[in-house]
Amino acid sequence: MQSRTERPDTVFDAPKGNWVDRLAPPSTRPWLRLSRADRPIGTWLLLLPCWWGIGLAMMADGPRVFDLWIALACTIGAFVMRGAGCTWNDITDRKIDAQVARTRSRPLPSGQVTLRGAYLWLVLQGLAGLVILLTLGRAAIWMGVASLALVAIYPFAKRFTWWPQIFLGLAFNWGVMLAYAAHMGRVDPAPVIAWLGAIAWTIFYDTIYAHQDVEDDALIGVKSTARLFGAHSPRILAGFALAAVAVLAVAVALPGRNLLIAWAGVLAFGAHLAWQLRNFQPEQGDVCLRLFRSNRDSGLILALFLAVAGLA
């Protein structure tokens, strides 16, 4: 029997039994894999700050029927734009990915998709995201346009800084301000501060993720906070977790409504990060991946509490 690394119709680091491998027509699988549709955690991590932004806006201004569309548009947009971002990342990293055991089976380095095809797929996803963005109002449109520079820079960050996770955080959490702007027609301090707290959260979870690749990254010269922190990662990540909780606690206080509910959500969010730290084993790649994926739950916990606070 062939292993997952030998089969040309799978990607090694995708979850086993994912829906793309099981259900998608064979001709679509390379494109869906290029968009990381076979591993939904990235879509969740892009989407959840958007839902935080809606919750903050409802706390400040009360709920609106349009919020239902904002939530749905952000869901579709997160799927599409995360796919576009992953496509762009794979285009820029195709030579690096070919040298890393975990990533060499991805569509571009394995030859399942051509470079020209990847560029065309990137454009199509970007156009779909633009259509969604145009429904959210002028302030949100400008916020979406402003995020493109961060998205373009991120794949190159690991080449020139030990802190590429900061650039990921800047880009991935932009939705908290965009969704807030879609509701309010402006950006207030609360979502900006939440964005800063979410960046600390991203450094926390993506450093855990990056510990899977520290040996390969060292061999090929790719920088990351996992390599930078090394054996000190648990202690340093505890600091980033505390920073995320403290900054988010300030952000949810600014709208001034139902603070106890919102703060309870931040506390539950922090408790989940503490659980991750207790189980963190930097040398165990499978543990790092499982903990990284669990951040869907920590983000959902806060989103649900903010939704209740906004609706109450």
Protein backbone atom coordinates (compact mmCIF):
# COMPACT_ATOMS: atom_id res chain seq x y z
CA MET A 1 0.00 0.00 0.00
CA GLN A 2 1.28 3.47 -0.84
CA SER A 3 1.82 6.01 1.92
CA ARG A 4 0.21 9.43 1.99
CA THR A 5 3.51 10.96 0.94
CA GLU A 6 3.64 8.76 -2.17
CA ARG A 7 0.10 9.15 -3.39
CA PRO A 8 -0.19 11.90 -6.02
CA ASP A 9 -3.86 12.56 -5.23
CA THR A 10 -3.41 13.65 -1.60
CA VAL A 11 -1.55 16.32 0.36
CA PHE A 12 0.52 15.06 3.26
CA ASP A 13 -0.36 17.74 5.82
CA ALA A 14 -4.11 17.79 5.11
CA PRO A 15 -6.43 16.11 7.63
CA LYS A 16 -7.10 12.48 6.79
CA GLY A 17 -10.55 11.88 5.32
CA ASN A 18 -11.14 15.55 4.55
CA TRP A 19 -14.08 16.42 2.32
CA VAL A 20 -11.93 17.33 -0.69
CA ASP A 21 -10.32 13.88 -0.78
CA ARG A 22 -13.65 12.13 -0.23
CA LEU A 23 -16.29 14.17 -2.06
CA ALA A 24 -14.86 16.68 -4.52
CA PRO A 25 -14.68 15.70 -8.21
CA PRO A 26 -11.10 14.65 -9.02
CA SER A 27 -10.63 17.48 -11.52
CA THR A 28 -11.34 20.11 -8.86
CA ARG A 29 -9.18 18.68 -6.09
CA PRO A 30 -5.84 20.34 -7.01
CA TRP A 31 -7.51 23.75 -7.08
CA LEU A 32 -9.35 23.23 -3.81
CA ARG A 33 -6.12 22.00 -2.22
CA LEU A 34 -4.32 25.07 -3.53
CA SER A 35 -6.94 27.11 -1.66
CA ARG A 36 -6.52 24.90 1.46
CA ALA A 37 -10.20 23.93 1.29
CA ASP A 38 -9.12 20.53 2.59
CA ARG A 39 -8.14 22.12 5.94
CA PRO A 40 -10.81 24.59 7.15
CA ILE A 41 -8.95 25.90 10.21
CA GLY A 42 -7.46 28.80 8.25
CA THR A 43 -10.91 29.92 7.12
CA TRP A 44 -12.11 29.80 10.72
CA LEU A 45 -9.16 31.87 11.94
CA LEU A 46 -9.82 34.48 9.25
CA LEU A 47 -13.57 34.50 9.89
CA LEU A 48 -13.71 34.63 13.68
CA PRO A 49 -12.27 38.16 14.06
CA CYS A 50 -14.95 39.30 11.59
CA TRP A 51 -17.61 37.87 13.88
CA TRP A 52 -15.91 39.60 16.82
CA GLY A 53 -16.26 42.86 14.90
CA ILE A 54 -19.98 42.31 14.37
CA GLY A 55 -20.39 41.57 18.07
CA LEU A 56 -18.55 44.73 19.06
CA ALA A 57 -20.67 46.77 16.66
CA MET A 58 -23.89 45.32 18.08
CA MET A 59 -22.69 46.09 21.61
CA ALA A 60 -22.07 49.70 20.57
CA ASP A 61 -25.13 50.28 18.39
CA GLY A 62 -27.58 47.43 18.89
CA PRO A 63 -28.34 44.63 16.41
CA ARG A 64 -29.56 45.25 12.87
CA VAL A 65 -31.07 42.89 10.31
CA PHE A 66 -28.16 43.75 8.02
CA ASP A 67 -25.85 42.07 10.53
CA LEU A 68 -27.12 38.70 9.29
CA TRP A 69 -25.84 39.51 5.83
CA ILE A 70 -22.55 40.84 7.21
CA ALA A 71 -22.05 37.55 9.05
CA LEU A 72 -22.87 35.49 5.94
CA ALA A 73 -20.81 37.72 3.63
CA CYS A 74 -17.84 37.44 5.98
CA THR A 75 -18.23 33.66 6.02
CA ILE A 76 -18.22 33.41 2.23
CA GLY A 77 -15.54 36.06 1.94
CA ALA A 78 -13.30 34.34 4.49
CA PHE A 79 -13.48 31.09 2.53
CA VAL A 80 -12.74 32.80 -0.79
CA MET A 81 -10.08 35.22 0.39
CA ARG A 82 -8.34 32.68 2.56
CA GLY A 83 -8.16 30.57 -0.59
CA ALA A 84 -6.73 33.49 -2.53
CA GLY A 85 -4.21 34.18 0.22
CA CYS A 86 -3.11 30.54 0.33
CA THR A 87 -2.78 30.49 -3.44
CA TRP A 88 -0.59 33.59 -3.33
CA ASN A 89 1.43 32.10 -0.47
CA ASP A 90 1.99 28.87 -2.42
CA ILE A 91 3.02 30.80 -5.54
CA THR A 92 5.67 32.70 -3.61
CA ASP A 93 6.75 29.68 -1.53
CA ARG A 94 6.72 26.99 -4.21
CA LYS A 95 10.50 26.49 -4.12
CA ILE A 96 10.62 26.49 -0.32
CA ASP A 97 7.67 24.08 -0.12
CA ALA A 98 9.50 21.67 -2.41
CA GLN A 99 12.28 21.41 0.20
CA VAL A 100 10.04 20.79 3.23
CA ALA A 101 8.76 17.27 3.88
CA ARG A 102 5.38 18.48 5.17
CA THR A 103 4.66 20.71 2.15
CA ARG A 104 6.31 19.16 -0.90
CA SER A 105 3.09 17.29 -1.80
CA ARG A 106 1.12 20.53 -2.22
CA PRO A 107 -0.28 21.21 -5.71
CA LEU A 108 2.42 23.55 -7.02
CA PRO A 109 5.64 21.82 -5.88
CA SER A 110 4.16 18.42 -6.78
CA GLY A 111 3.18 19.58 -10.28
CA GLN A 112 -0.59 19.07 -9.88
CA VAL A 113 -1.10 22.75 -10.81
CA THR A 114 1.00 24.90 -13.12
CA LEU A 115 2.26 28.33 -12.09
CA ARG A 116 0.11 29.98 -14.77
CA GLY A 117 -2.93 28.08 -13.57
CA ALA A 118 -2.25 29.17 -10.00
CA TYR A 119 -2.15 32.83 -11.03
CA LEU A 120 -5.46 32.48 -12.89
CA TRP A 121 -7.02 30.78 -9.86
CA LEU A 122 -5.75 33.62 -7.67
CA VAL A 123 -7.44 36.21 -9.89
CA LEU A 124 -10.75 34.33 -9.95
CA GLN A 125 -10.84 34.06 -6.16
CA GLY A 126 -9.93 37.70 -5.79
CA LEU A 127 -12.77 38.74 -8.08
CA ALA A 128 -15.24 36.62 -6.09
CA GLY A 129 -14.06 38.28 -2.89
CA LEU A 130 -14.47 41.71 -4.48
CA VAL A 131 -18.08 40.97 -5.39
CA ILE A 132 -18.80 40.10 -1.75
CA LEU A 133 -16.96 43.15 -0.45
CA LEU A 134 -18.96 45.52 -2.66
CA THR A 135 -22.14 44.61 -0.77
CA LEU A 136 -20.82 45.83 2.60
CA GLY A 137 -20.72 49.59 2.16
CA ARG A 138 -18.10 52.21 1.45
CA ALA A 139 -16.22 52.07 4.77
CA ALA A 140 -15.88 48.30 4.59
CA ILE A 141 -14.79 48.48 0.94
CA TRP A 142 -11.96 50.86 1.80
CA MET A 143 -10.94 48.65 4.70
CA GLY A 144 -10.84 45.67 2.35
CA VAL A 145 -8.71 47.53 -0.17
CA ALA A 146 -6.33 48.64 2.59
CA SER A 147 -5.75 45.03 3.65
CA LEU A 148 -4.33 43.99 0.28
CA ALA A 149 -0.86 45.36 0.99
CA LEU A 150 -0.60 43.22 4.13
CA VAL A 151 -1.78 40.13 2.26
CA ALA A 152 0.79 40.74 -0.48
CA ILE A 153 3.69 41.21 1.96
CA TYR A 154 3.03 38.33 4.34
CA PRO A 155 4.48 35.42 2.28
CA PHE A 156 7.82 37.25 2.05
CA ALA A 157 8.04 38.12 5.75
CA LYS A 158 9.77 34.91 6.78
CA ARG A 159 12.60 35.83 4.43
CA PHE A 160 13.48 39.13 6.13
CA THR A 161 12.23 38.96 9.74
CA TRP A 162 12.12 36.53 12.65
CA TRP A 163 8.57 37.77 13.27
CA PRO A 164 6.51 36.71 10.21
CA GLN A 165 3.70 35.84 12.65
CA ILE A 166 3.20 39.57 13.24
CA PHE A 167 2.54 40.11 9.54
CA LEU A 168 0.13 37.17 9.55
CA GLY A 169 -1.66 38.72 12.53
CA LEU A 170 -1.90 42.11 10.86
CA ALA A 171 -3.55 40.58 7.80
CA PHE A 172 -5.60 37.75 9.29
CA ASN A 173 -7.35 39.86 11.93
CA TRP A 174 -8.16 42.85 9.74
CA GLY A 175 -11.72 41.54 9.49
CA VAL A 176 -12.56 42.71 13.02
CA MET A 177 -12.32 46.30 11.73
CA LEU A 178 -13.85 45.55 8.33
CA ALA A 179 -16.96 43.87 9.79
CA TYR A 180 -17.35 46.62 12.38
CA ALA A 181 -17.13 49.20 9.59
CA ALA A 182 -19.78 47.32 7.58
CA HIS A 183 -22.21 47.78 10.48
CA MET A 184 -21.23 51.24 11.73
CA GLY A 185 -19.98 52.92 8.56
CA ARG A 186 -16.78 53.84 10.38
CA VAL A 187 -13.99 52.36 12.48
CA ASP A 188 -13.94 53.22 16.19
CA PRO A 189 -11.24 52.51 18.80
CA ALA A 190 -12.86 49.27 20.01
CA PRO A 191 -12.20 47.20 16.85
CA VAL A 192 -8.73 48.70 16.45
CA ILE A 193 -7.80 47.62 19.97
CA ALA A 194 -9.41 44.21 19.37
CA TRP A 195 -7.26 43.91 16.23
CA LEU A 196 -4.14 44.46 18.35
CA GLY A 197 -5.26 41.82 20.84
CA ALA A 198 -5.99 39.42 18.02
CA ILE A 199 -2.47 39.94 16.65
CA ALA A 200 -1.08 38.70 19.99
CA TRP A 201 -3.42 35.70 19.68
CA THR A 202 -2.13 35.00 16.17
CA ILE A 203 1.49 35.10 17.33
CA PHE A 204 0.46 32.61 20.03
CA TYR A 205 -1.24 30.08 17.77
CA ASP A 206 0.99 30.41 14.72
CA THR A 207 4.14 29.96 16.78
CA ILE A 208 2.67 26.69 18.02
CA TYR A 209 1.99 25.77 14.39
CA ALA A 210 5.49 26.77 13.26
CA HIS A 211 7.11 24.41 15.74
CA GLN A 212 6.23 21.60 13.31
CA ASP A 213 8.77 22.94 10.82
CA VAL A 214 11.66 24.26 12.92
CA GLU A 215 14.17 21.68 11.65
CA ASP A 216 13.31 22.13 7.97
CA ASP A 217 13.12 25.91 8.38
CA ALA A 218 16.59 25.96 9.94
CA LEU A 219 18.02 23.94 7.05
CA ILE A 220 16.62 26.23 4.36
CA GLY A 221 17.00 29.51 6.25
CA VAL A 222 13.32 30.36 6.82
CA LYS A 223 12.70 32.52 9.89
CA SER A 224 9.88 32.15 12.42
CA THR A 225 9.06 32.95 16.03
CA ALA A 226 9.22 29.23 16.75
CA ARG A 227 12.91 29.24 15.81
CA LEU A 228 13.48 32.57 17.55
CA PHE A 229 11.90 31.53 20.86
CA GLY A 230 13.25 27.98 20.81
CA ALA A 231 13.14 26.31 24.21
CA HIS A 232 11.69 29.49 25.73
CA SER A 233 8.50 29.23 23.64
CA PRO A 234 6.15 28.12 26.46
CA ARG A 235 7.13 31.06 28.68
CA ILE A 236 7.05 33.63 25.88
CA LEU A 237 3.75 32.33 24.52
CA ALA A 238 2.26 32.67 28.00
CA GLY A 239 3.11 36.35 27.75
CA PHE A 240 1.40 36.70 24.40
CA ALA A 241 -1.67 34.88 25.71
CA LEU A 242 -1.87 37.28 28.65
CA ALA A 243 -1.42 40.23 26.29
CA ALA A 244 -4.22 38.99 24.03
CA VAL A 245 -6.60 38.58 26.97
CA ALA A 246 -5.74 41.96 28.51
CA VAL A 247 -6.04 43.91 25.27
CA LEU A 248 -9.28 42.19 24.26
CA ALA A 249 -10.70 42.93 27.73
CA VAL A 250 -10.10 46.63 27.06
CA ALA A 251 -11.59 46.42 23.58
CA VAL A 252 -14.87 44.80 24.68
CA ALA A 253 -15.25 47.36 27.48
CA LEU A 254 -15.29 50.35 25.13
CA PRO A 255 -18.81 49.87 23.67
CA GLY A 256 -20.13 50.18 27.23
CA ARG A 257 -22.96 47.62 27.13
CA ASN A 258 -23.25 44.20 28.79
CA LEU A 259 -19.67 44.27 29.99
CA LEU A 260 -20.00 41.28 32.31
CA ILE A 261 -21.07 39.04 29.44
CA ALA A 262 -18.27 40.32 27.22
CA TRP A 263 -15.65 39.99 29.93
CA ALA A 264 -16.85 36.46 30.70
CA GLY A 265 -16.20 35.66 27.04
CA VAL A 266 -12.68 37.07 27.24
CA LEU A 267 -12.05 35.06 30.42
CA ALA A 268 -13.28 31.85 28.77
CA PHE A 269 -11.11 32.65 25.74
CA GLY A 270 -8.11 33.04 28.05
CA ALA A 271 -8.90 29.78 29.82
CA HIS A 272 -8.72 27.97 26.49
CA LEU A 273 -5.32 29.50 25.74
CA ALA A 274 -4.15 28.38 29.19
CA TRP A 275 -5.31 24.84 28.38
CA GLN A 276 -3.27 24.95 25.18
CA LEU A 277 -0.18 26.03 27.08
CA ARG A 278 -0.57 23.20 29.58
CA ASN A 279 -0.63 20.69 26.72
CA PHE A 280 2.01 22.35 24.52
CA GLN A 281 4.89 20.05 23.56
CA PRO A 282 7.15 21.92 21.10
CA GLU A 283 8.94 18.76 19.94
CA GLN A 284 5.71 16.88 19.12
CA GLY A 285 4.48 18.00 15.70
CA ASP A 286 1.16 16.19 15.96
CA VAL A 287 0.44 17.86 19.31
CA CYS A 288 1.34 21.28 17.89
CA LEU A 289 -1.02 20.77 14.96
CA ARG A 290 -3.86 19.64 17.22
CA LEU A 291 -3.44 22.63 19.52
CA PHE A 292 -3.21 25.02 16.57
CA ARG A 293 -6.49 23.71 15.18
CA SER A 294 -8.14 24.06 18.60
CA ASN A 295 -7.95 27.84 18.24
CA ARG A 296 -11.15 27.63 16.25
CA ASP A 297 -12.79 26.83 19.58
CA SER A 298 -11.12 29.65 21.51
CA GLY A 299 -12.17 32.16 18.85
CA LEU A 300 -15.70 30.77 18.70
CA ILE A 301 -16.05 31.06 22.47
CA LEU A 302 -15.37 34.79 22.35
CA ALA A 303 -17.54 35.28 19.26
CA LEU A 304 -20.52 33.62 20.95
CA PHE A 305 -20.19 35.70 24.11
CA LEU A 306 -19.91 38.92 22.09
CA ALA A 307 -22.98 37.93 20.07
CA VAL A 308 -24.96 37.43 23.27
CA ALA A 309 -23.69 40.73 24.65
CA GLY A 310 -24.70 42.49 21.44
CA LEU A 311 -28.16 40.94 21.32
CA ALA A 312 -28.98 41.29 25.05
